[in-house]
Every structure is written in C-alpha cells, then in structure tokens.
Protein backbone atom coordinates (compact mmCIF):
# COMPACT_ATOMS: atom_id res chain seq x y z
CA MET A 1 -1.24 22.77 -25.20
CA ASN A 2 1.49 20.28 -25.10
CA SER A 3 2.41 18.24 -22.04
CA PRO A 4 5.78 19.00 -20.25
CA GLY A 5 8.61 17.22 -21.82
CA LEU A 6 11.57 15.37 -20.36
CA LEU A 7 13.81 18.43 -19.70
CA GLU A 8 11.02 20.34 -17.97
CA LEU A 9 10.22 17.33 -15.58
CA VAL A 10 13.80 17.10 -14.63
CA VAL A 11 13.89 20.98 -13.92
CA ILE A 12 10.79 20.52 -11.82
CA LEU A 13 12.18 17.68 -10.08
CA PHE A 14 15.42 19.47 -9.38
CA LEU A 15 13.48 22.54 -7.99
CA ALA A 16 11.52 20.48 -5.70
CA TRP A 17 14.58 18.82 -4.38
CA ALA A 18 16.34 22.05 -3.79
CA PHE A 19 13.24 23.85 -1.79
CA LEU A 20 12.27 20.62 0.09
CA GLY A 21 15.35 18.95 0.54
CA PRO A 22 16.30 15.25 0.12
CA GLN A 23 14.50 13.89 3.06
CA LYS A 24 11.00 15.34 2.42
CA MET A 25 11.53 14.24 -1.36
CA MET A 26 12.27 10.72 0.02
CA GLU A 27 9.10 10.74 2.30
CA GLY A 28 7.23 12.26 -0.61
CA ALA A 29 8.23 9.37 -2.93
CA ARG A 30 7.52 6.73 -0.18
CA SER A 31 4.20 7.96 0.21
CA LEU A 32 3.39 7.98 -3.30
CA GLY A 33 4.45 4.45 -3.72
CA LYS A 34 2.31 3.23 -0.72
CA ALA A 35 -0.76 5.02 -2.32
CA TYR A 36 0.05 3.49 -5.68
CA ARG A 37 0.31 0.05 -4.32
CA GLU A 38 -2.93 0.49 -2.35
CA PHE A 39 -4.82 1.73 -5.45
CA ARG A 40 -3.41 -1.07 -7.50
CA GLY A 41 -4.57 -3.59 -4.82
CA TYR A 42 -8.26 -2.18 -4.93
CA ALA A 43 -8.09 -2.65 -8.69
CA THR A 44 -7.32 -6.05 -8.74
CA SER A 45 -9.34 -7.28 -5.57
CA THR A 46 -12.88 -9.01 -6.14
CA PRO A 47 -15.90 -6.59 -6.23
CA LEU A 48 -17.69 -6.03 -3.15
CA GLY A 49 -20.45 -8.57 -2.47
CA SER A 50 -18.67 -11.45 -4.37
CA ASP A 51 -19.53 -14.68 -2.70
CA ASP A 52 -16.61 -16.68 -4.45
CA VAL A 53 -14.18 -15.51 -1.56
CA THR A 54 -14.63 -17.73 1.76
CA GLU A 55 -14.55 -16.04 5.11
CA LYS A 56 -11.21 -17.71 5.77
CA GLU A 57 -9.57 -16.59 2.54
CA LYS A 58 -10.50 -12.86 3.39
CA VAL A 59 -9.16 -13.12 6.85
CA ARG A 60 -5.96 -14.50 5.38
CA SER A 61 -5.75 -11.95 2.97
CA SER A 62 -6.19 -9.07 5.20
CA ALA A 63 -3.48 -10.56 7.58
CA GLU A 64 -1.15 -10.85 4.68
CA LYS A 65 -1.74 -7.14 3.75
CA LEU A 66 -0.57 -6.30 7.48
CA GLY A 67 2.57 -8.19 7.08
CA ILE A 68 1.61 -11.23 9.06
CA ASP A 69 3.01 -14.65 8.02
CA THR A 70 -0.09 -17.01 7.98
CA ALA A 71 1.63 -20.18 7.28
CA GLY A 72 0.56 -22.86 9.77
CA MET A 73 -1.85 -20.54 11.43
CA ASN A 74 -5.62 -21.23 11.90
CA GLN A 75 -8.28 -18.58 11.62
CA ASN A 76 -8.47 -17.86 15.22
CA GLU A 77 -4.71 -17.56 15.53
CA ILE A 78 -4.59 -15.17 12.55
CA LYS A 79 -7.42 -13.01 14.13
CA THR A 80 -5.41 -12.72 17.30
CA ALA A 81 -2.24 -11.78 15.28
CA MET A 82 -4.26 -9.22 13.54
CA LEU A 83 -5.63 -7.63 16.52
CA GLU A 84 -2.40 -7.45 18.10
CA ARG A 85 -0.72 -5.88 14.98
CA LEU A 86 -3.42 -3.35 14.90
CA SER A 87 -3.34 -2.38 18.48
CA ASP A 88 0.40 -1.58 18.38
CA GLU A 89 -0.33 0.90 15.46
C-alpha cells in the first residue's frame, strides 16, 4: 500500500479543521508540539545511572525545564523556586 500523498493530507487536515474547529485544532497542535519537545528532550538526555552529571547540574537542568532563570542562584534558592513553581501548578 502506498502512503497518503500531499493532496490526501491536505483534505484530511481540512476535514479535521471543519469538524473540530480552529480552536481545537490549535490546542491539538500545541499539545503535539509539547509532546514532541518532551520526547526529543528524553532522547538527548544522558542515560539513567550516569554519574557524569553532578547533583547541582541536575537541579539546574530541572529548574530550567520548568522555566526558572537560574542565573546567580545557589542550589537551595533553585530548589525553593522549583517548589514554589510546582506548588502553583
């Protein structure tokens, strides 16, 4: 079997847009983008059990994934900011 061509994909997208509406299509595209970014992040991260990454680097990386600017912060301040961010969600 052949895979769908460009015209078929355009028709499918148009029908999905017609049935779901533009708002739901935008939400779906946004969630797909978030899932792709998360998946790509797991693919590029170091394997579990790797001792090459220090605890400080792990904390800083986790804080940056949460959108926290870690410049000039020590490890305790970063952990506090992470707890505040997670408790707000």
